[in-house]
Amino acid sequence: MNSTFNWNPEKTLWKKVIHLASERGQSPESIISEAVKLYVDTQLVETVNNVVSNGSIPLF
């Protein structure tokens, strides 16, 4: 599935992404995708941990 969105990061962040992508021989898109996946996975784990520790299910 391909998705497109308009992202306007601050200049220093974009430079860091470009630099890291260059060092790894990857595209900036793959670096951003990896970062988003790690963030989402972390949030899901934190949500599960909160449910287990609180014994309640959050209502959204």
C-alpha atoms as a PDB file:
ATOM      1  CA  MET A   1       0.000   0.000   0.000  1.00  0.00           C
ATOM      2  CA  ASN A   2       1.401   3.363  -0.992  1.00  0.00           C
ATOM      3  CA  SER A   3       0.485   6.482   0.909  1.00  0.00           C
ATOM      4  CA  THR A   4       1.562  10.033   0.452  1.00  0.00           C
ATOM      5  CA  PHE A   5       1.466  12.863   2.943  1.00  0.00           C
ATOM      6  CA  ASN A   6       2.926  16.324   3.073  1.00  0.00           C
ATOM      7  CA  TRP A   7       5.533  16.650   5.824  1.00  0.00           C
ATOM      8  CA  ASN A   8       7.433  19.837   6.487  1.00  0.00           C
ATOM      9  CA  PRO A   9      10.043  19.002   9.147  1.00  0.00           C
ATOM     10  CA  GLU A  10      12.291  21.560  10.716  1.00  0.00           C
ATOM     11  CA  LYS A  11      15.474  22.036   8.721  1.00  0.00           C
ATOM     12  CA  THR A  12      17.862  20.494  11.262  1.00  0.00           C
ATOM     13  CA  LEU A  13      15.737  17.346  11.587  1.00  0.00           C
ATOM     14  CA  TRP A  14      15.567  16.933   7.815  1.00  0.00           C
ATOM     15  CA  LYS A  15      19.365  17.295   7.567  1.00  0.00           C
ATOM     16  CA  LYS A  16      19.784  14.578  10.210  1.00  0.00           C
ATOM     17  CA  VAL A  17      17.452  12.260   8.290  1.00  0.00           C
ATOM     18  CA  ILE A  18      19.327  12.884   5.044  1.00  0.00           C
ATOM     19  CA  HIS A  19      22.680  12.318   6.757  1.00  0.00           C
ATOM     20  CA  LEU A  20      21.573   9.075   8.420  1.00  0.00           C
ATOM     21  CA  ALA A  21      20.054   7.801   5.179  1.00  0.00           C
ATOM     22  CA  SER A  22      23.291   8.547   3.352  1.00  0.00           C
ATOM     23  CA  GLU A  23      25.391   6.786   6.004  1.00  0.00           C
ATOM     24  CA  ARG A  24      23.191   3.691   5.840  1.00  0.00           C
ATOM     25  CA  GLY A  25      22.790   3.691   2.069  1.00  0.00           C
ATOM     26  CA  GLN A  26      19.030   3.976   2.461  1.00  0.00           C
ATOM     27  CA  SER A  27      16.411   6.416   1.290  1.00  0.00           C
ATOM     28  CA  PRO A  28      15.093   9.106   3.629  1.00  0.00           C
ATOM     29  CA  GLU A  29      11.673   7.478   3.223  1.00  0.00           C
ATOM     30  CA  SER A  30      12.950   4.181   4.633  1.00  0.00           C
ATOM     31  CA  ILE A  31      14.543   5.963   7.613  1.00  0.00           C
ATOM     32  CA  ILE A  32      11.287   7.781   8.370  1.00  0.00           C
ATOM     33  CA  SER A  33       9.251   4.585   7.961  1.00  0.00           C
ATOM     34  CA  GLU A  34      11.556   2.760  10.376  1.00  0.00           C
ATOM     35  CA  ALA A  35      11.303   5.590  12.911  1.00  0.00           C
ATOM     36  CA  VAL A  36       7.500   5.693  12.718  1.00  0.00           C
ATOM     37  CA  LYS A  37       7.267   1.900  13.059  1.00  0.00           C
ATOM     38  CA  LEU A  38       9.487   1.953  16.162  1.00  0.00           C
ATOM     39  CA  TYR A  39       7.417   4.772  17.663  1.00  0.00           C
ATOM     40  CA  VAL A  40       4.103   3.047  17.005  1.00  0.00           C
ATOM     41  CA  ASP A  41       5.385  -0.280  18.351  1.00  0.00           C
ATOM     42  CA  THR A  42       6.609   1.474  21.509  1.00  0.00           C
ATOM     43  CA  GLN A  43       3.248   3.184  22.006  1.00  0.00           C
ATOM     44  CA  LEU A  44       1.399  -0.117  21.601  1.00  0.00           C
ATOM     45  CA  VAL A  45       3.636  -1.789  24.203  1.00  0.00           C
ATOM     46  CA  GLU A  46       3.144   1.120  26.608  1.00  0.00           C
ATOM     47  CA  THR A  47      -0.642   0.903  26.150  1.00  0.00           C
ATOM     48  CA  VAL A  48      -0.631  -2.825  26.876  1.00  0.00           C
ATOM     49  CA  ASN A  49       1.593  -2.300  29.926  1.00  0.00           C
ATOM     50  CA  ASN A  50      -0.765   0.393  31.245  1.00  0.00           C
ATOM     51  CA  VAL A  51      -3.769  -1.884  30.820  1.00  0.00           C
ATOM     52  CA  VAL A  52      -2.005  -4.731  32.626  1.00  0.00           C
ATOM     53  CA  SER A  53      -0.720  -2.560  35.477  1.00  0.00           C
ATOM     54  CA  ASN A  54      -3.965  -0.610  35.920  1.00  0.00           C
ATOM     55  CA  GLY A  55      -6.285  -3.522  35.348  1.00  0.00           C
ATOM     56  CA  SER A  56      -8.472  -1.312  33.216  1.00  0.00           C
ATOM     57  CA  ILE A  57      -9.003  -0.732  29.546  1.00  0.00           C
ATOM     58  CA  PRO A  58      -8.668   2.899  28.427  1.00  0.00           C
ATOM     59  CA  LEU A  59     -11.693   4.387  26.685  1.00  0.00           C
ATOM     60  CA  PHE A  60     -10.964   6.482  23.636  1.00  0.00           C
END
